[in-house]
């Protein structure tokens, strides 16, 4: 019918990875956007303009942004806006949005021996695929994962291998089902002048109120925090230049 706007079709089993970094992202994300049929990747740099370097990877499943002086929360909100723009351009919708710090590196636990962890320092593709499979199995509104290594990891045994319903998590890697995005997001930017932790903390509180039974933390896959760095995100009101 003329004048009727048709909503983009949902493509079940599709993912967009939203990567926030201070400069050039890890090459693994560009490779995956080219080789994995069910994902797209959008990267954002808040410190170094690397768009010219990344232009050679431009495609319907990969794009990069430079958002100078953006805070942790405003950068993530900008990534989500770009994901929605990509959906409109391609006339389809992602089922999951996975937002990651640029240094996020995943490992996975051996199902036959959960006390053992498979660590690949160069590429975490198998761990990412495991996370994707878990999301498709359970389809939670929001999901995160545990940490490796930790002081208590040696004590992990089969009984705590799996998934728990937990709203509090470190937002190094967070997955949102598309039904949750309109409810839980955007991230609040009100307290960015104090600390970038505030946005994640407030999201945890809000999730605990509106969707406590649909927020999962997986322990089959873990974030390897030995790769993590606490980036010097900008504080305060976003200033565009």
Protein backbone atom coordinates (compact mmCIF):
# COMPACT_ATOMS: atom_id res chain seq x y z
CA UNK A 1 0.00 0.00 0.00
CA UNK A 2 1.21 3.49 -0.77
CA UNK A 3 2.20 5.49 2.26
CA UNK A 4 2.57 2.42 4.48
CA UNK A 5 6.01 2.02 6.02
CA UNK A 6 6.99 -1.61 6.48
CA UNK A 7 9.10 -2.38 9.54
CA UNK A 8 12.44 -4.09 8.85
CA UNK A 9 12.16 -7.85 9.08
CA UNK A 10 13.73 -9.61 12.07
CA UNK A 11 16.54 -11.95 11.10
CA UNK A 12 16.61 -14.54 13.85
CA UNK A 13 20.04 -15.76 14.84
CA UNK A 14 21.83 -12.57 13.76
CA UNK A 15 24.20 -10.51 15.86
CA UNK A 16 25.84 -7.12 15.73
CA UNK A 17 29.00 -6.64 17.77
CA UNK A 18 29.48 -3.06 18.97
CA UNK A 19 33.14 -2.50 19.82
CA UNK A 20 34.26 0.57 21.79
CA UNK A 21 37.99 1.29 21.76
CA UNK A 22 40.50 4.12 21.95
CA UNK A 23 41.95 3.46 18.51
CA UNK A 24 42.43 0.70 15.95
CA UNK A 25 40.32 -2.37 16.84
CA UNK A 26 41.69 -5.88 16.93
CA UNK A 27 41.89 -7.47 13.47
CA UNK A 28 39.73 -10.40 14.58
CA UNK A 29 36.61 -8.23 14.38
CA UNK A 30 37.19 -7.27 10.75
CA UNK A 31 37.86 -10.91 9.83
CA UNK A 32 34.65 -12.04 11.48
CA UNK A 33 32.52 -9.42 9.75
CA UNK A 34 33.80 -10.81 6.44
CA UNK A 35 33.66 -14.55 7.16
CA UNK A 36 30.80 -15.14 9.59
CA UNK A 37 27.46 -15.01 7.81
CA UNK A 38 25.35 -14.15 10.85
CA UNK A 39 27.19 -11.15 12.32
CA UNK A 40 27.97 -7.53 11.63
CA UNK A 41 30.56 -5.39 13.42
CA UNK A 42 30.52 -1.68 14.24
CA UNK A 43 33.58 -0.17 15.90
CA UNK A 44 33.89 3.20 17.62
CA UNK A 45 37.05 5.04 18.58
CA UNK A 46 36.84 7.86 21.07
CA UNK A 47 40.51 8.86 21.02
CA UNK A 48 42.31 8.16 17.74
CA UNK A 49 40.74 8.69 14.32
CA UNK A 50 41.36 5.42 12.47
CA UNK A 51 38.52 5.62 9.97
CA UNK A 52 40.84 6.04 6.98
CA UNK A 53 42.79 2.93 7.98
CA UNK A 54 39.56 0.98 8.38
CA UNK A 55 37.92 2.17 5.17
CA UNK A 56 39.28 -0.83 3.26
CA UNK A 57 37.04 -3.10 5.37
CA UNK A 58 33.86 -1.12 4.71
CA UNK A 59 30.95 -3.39 3.78
CA UNK A 60 27.29 -3.97 4.66
CA UNK A 61 28.54 -5.93 7.69
CA UNK A 62 31.34 -3.65 8.90
CA UNK A 63 31.55 0.06 9.62
CA UNK A 64 33.63 2.28 11.88
CA UNK A 65 32.92 5.49 13.78
CA UNK A 66 35.07 8.22 15.26
CA UNK A 67 33.34 9.89 18.18
CA UNK A 68 35.94 12.16 19.81
CA UNK A 69 35.65 13.09 23.49
CA UNK A 70 32.81 10.62 23.97
CA UNK A 71 32.34 9.07 27.39
CA UNK A 72 31.87 5.38 28.08
CA UNK A 73 28.08 5.74 28.09
CA UNK A 74 27.73 8.21 25.22
CA UNK A 75 30.00 6.04 23.06
CA UNK A 76 27.89 2.97 23.68
CA UNK A 77 24.70 4.89 22.96
CA UNK A 78 26.23 6.12 19.71
CA UNK A 79 27.03 2.53 18.72
CA UNK A 80 23.42 1.49 19.28
CA UNK A 81 22.16 4.39 17.18
CA UNK A 82 24.48 3.31 14.37
CA UNK A 83 23.24 -0.27 14.66
CA UNK A 84 19.66 0.91 14.21
CA UNK A 85 20.75 3.01 11.24
CA UNK A 86 22.37 -0.06 9.67
CA UNK A 87 19.14 -2.00 10.19
CA UNK A 88 17.11 0.66 8.41
CA UNK A 89 19.56 0.74 5.51
CA UNK A 90 19.55 -3.05 5.13
CA UNK A 91 15.81 -3.44 5.85
CA UNK A 92 16.28 -6.09 8.50
CA UNK A 93 16.76 -6.25 12.26
CA UNK A 94 19.38 -8.00 14.38
CA UNK A 95 18.20 -10.37 17.08
CA UNK A 96 21.08 -9.64 19.46
CA UNK A 97 23.35 -6.67 20.10
CA UNK A 98 26.64 -7.48 21.85
CA UNK A 99 28.56 -4.49 23.15
CA UNK A 100 32.21 -4.99 24.11
CA UNK A 101 35.19 -3.09 25.35
CA UNK A 102 37.90 -3.15 22.70
CA UNK A 103 40.18 -5.33 24.83
CA UNK A 104 37.53 -7.95 25.59
CA UNK A 105 38.96 -11.45 25.09
CA UNK A 106 36.92 -14.57 25.81
CA UNK A 107 37.83 -18.08 26.89
CA UNK A 108 35.60 -21.11 27.28
CA UNK A 109 35.39 -24.03 29.67
CA UNK A 110 35.60 -27.66 28.68
CA UNK A 111 32.12 -29.19 28.97
CA UNK A 112 33.54 -32.63 29.83
CA UNK A 113 35.83 -31.14 32.50
CA UNK A 114 34.46 -27.74 33.60
CA UNK A 115 37.47 -27.06 35.84
CA UNK A 116 39.61 -26.73 32.70
CA UNK A 117 39.68 -23.59 30.58
CA UNK A 118 40.59 -23.42 26.89
CA UNK A 119 42.69 -20.30 26.43
CA UNK A 120 43.73 -19.08 22.99
CA UNK A 121 45.80 -15.93 23.37
CA UNK A 122 45.63 -15.09 19.67
CA UNK A 123 42.01 -15.67 18.76
CA UNK A 124 38.91 -16.24 20.86
CA UNK A 125 36.68 -17.33 17.97
CA UNK A 126 35.59 -20.61 19.60
CA UNK A 127 34.68 -18.84 22.82
CA UNK A 128 32.66 -16.22 20.91
CA UNK A 129 30.85 -18.95 18.98
CA UNK A 130 30.07 -20.69 22.27
CA UNK A 131 28.58 -17.47 23.63
CA UNK A 132 26.50 -17.05 20.47
CA UNK A 133 25.20 -20.63 20.77
CA UNK A 134 24.19 -20.03 24.39
CA UNK A 135 22.32 -16.86 23.47
CA UNK A 136 20.43 -18.67 20.72
CA UNK A 137 19.59 -21.52 23.07
CA UNK A 138 18.20 -19.36 25.89
CA UNK A 139 17.37 -16.03 24.22
CA UNK A 140 17.72 -13.96 27.42
CA UNK A 141 16.88 -10.26 27.48
CA UNK A 142 20.38 -9.45 28.72
CA UNK A 143 23.44 -11.64 29.21
CA UNK A 144 27.01 -11.38 30.46
CA UNK A 145 29.74 -13.79 31.52
CA UNK A 146 32.06 -14.58 34.40
CA UNK A 147 35.77 -13.78 34.71
CA UNK A 148 39.03 -15.66 34.19
CA UNK A 149 41.43 -15.78 35.86
CA UNK A 150 40.22 -15.09 39.39
CA UNK A 151 41.63 -16.00 42.77
CA UNK A 152 38.83 -18.50 43.26
CA UNK A 153 38.89 -20.04 39.79
CA UNK A 154 40.88 -23.08 40.88
CA UNK A 155 37.96 -24.01 43.10
CA UNK A 156 35.43 -24.00 40.25
CA UNK A 157 33.82 -27.39 39.80
CA UNK A 158 31.05 -28.96 37.79
CA UNK A 159 28.22 -27.67 39.98
CA UNK A 160 28.85 -24.02 39.09
CA UNK A 161 29.42 -24.62 35.40
CA UNK A 162 26.47 -23.21 33.55
CA UNK A 163 24.15 -20.24 33.71
CA UNK A 164 22.79 -18.23 36.62
CA UNK A 165 20.17 -15.51 36.69
CA UNK A 166 22.10 -12.45 37.74
CA UNK A 167 21.52 -8.77 37.01
CA UNK A 168 24.79 -7.45 38.40
CA UNK A 169 27.77 -7.82 36.07
CA UNK A 170 30.84 -6.05 34.77
CA UNK A 171 29.83 -4.61 31.38
CA UNK A 172 33.03 -5.60 29.56
CA UNK A 173 30.81 -7.79 27.38
CA UNK A 174 27.02 -7.47 27.48
CA UNK A 175 24.48 -8.97 25.10
CA UNK A 176 21.00 -7.52 24.65
CA UNK A 177 18.12 -9.22 22.91
CA UNK A 178 16.36 -6.75 20.66
CA UNK A 179 13.21 -6.92 22.83
CA UNK A 180 15.28 -5.55 25.73
CA UNK A 181 16.87 -2.62 23.93
CA UNK A 182 13.78 -0.40 23.95
CA UNK A 183 13.17 -1.22 27.63
CA UNK A 184 16.66 -1.12 29.20
CA UNK A 185 18.49 1.40 27.03
CA UNK A 186 19.86 3.97 26.37
CA UNK A 187 22.60 4.09 28.97
CA UNK A 188 22.23 7.06 31.27
CA UNK A 189 24.83 9.79 30.72
CA UNK A 190 23.70 11.97 33.66
CA UNK A 191 26.53 10.99 36.00
CA UNK A 192 29.35 10.69 33.48
CA UNK A 193 31.12 13.66 35.04
CA UNK A 194 31.59 11.61 38.22
CA UNK A 195 32.52 8.14 36.95
CA UNK A 196 31.85 5.97 33.94
CA UNK A 197 30.93 3.12 36.28
CA UNK A 198 27.62 4.84 37.08
CA UNK A 199 25.93 3.90 33.79
CA UNK A 200 26.58 0.18 34.20
CA UNK A 201 25.56 0.24 37.85
CA UNK A 202 22.27 2.00 37.13
CA UNK A 203 21.54 -0.43 34.29
CA UNK A 204 22.04 -3.32 36.74
CA UNK A 205 19.55 -1.76 39.16
CA UNK A 206 16.99 -1.11 36.45
CA UNK A 207 17.33 -4.62 35.06
CA UNK A 208 16.83 -6.08 38.53
CA UNK A 209 13.51 -4.22 38.75
CA UNK A 210 12.03 -4.88 35.32
CA UNK A 211 13.53 -8.19 34.15
CA UNK A 212 15.25 -10.11 36.96
CA UNK A 213 14.31 -13.53 35.56
CA UNK A 214 15.55 -12.82 32.04
CA UNK A 215 19.08 -11.65 32.81
CA UNK A 216 21.71 -14.39 32.54
CA UNK A 217 25.35 -14.70 33.50
CA UNK A 218 27.12 -17.54 31.75
CA UNK A 219 30.04 -19.46 33.23
CA UNK A 220 30.61 -21.69 30.21
CA UNK A 221 32.39 -18.71 28.66
CA UNK A 222 34.48 -16.19 30.56
CA UNK A 223 36.14 -12.84 29.98
CA UNK A 224 39.91 -13.18 30.31
CA UNK A 225 40.66 -10.13 32.47
CA UNK A 226 44.41 -10.49 31.95
CA UNK A 227 43.77 -8.69 28.63
CA UNK A 228 41.78 -5.92 30.26
CA UNK A 229 42.94 -2.35 30.64
CA UNK A 230 41.02 0.40 32.39
CA UNK A 231 40.86 2.96 29.61
CA UNK A 232 40.96 6.64 30.41
CA UNK A 233 37.46 7.36 29.13
CA UNK A 234 36.49 11.00 28.98
CA UNK A 235 34.45 12.24 31.92
CA UNK A 236 31.79 14.90 31.77
CA UNK A 237 29.41 16.14 29.12
CA UNK A 238 30.13 14.98 25.61
CA UNK A 239 31.94 17.62 23.51
CA UNK A 240 31.87 17.16 19.76
CA UNK A 241 34.70 18.67 17.74
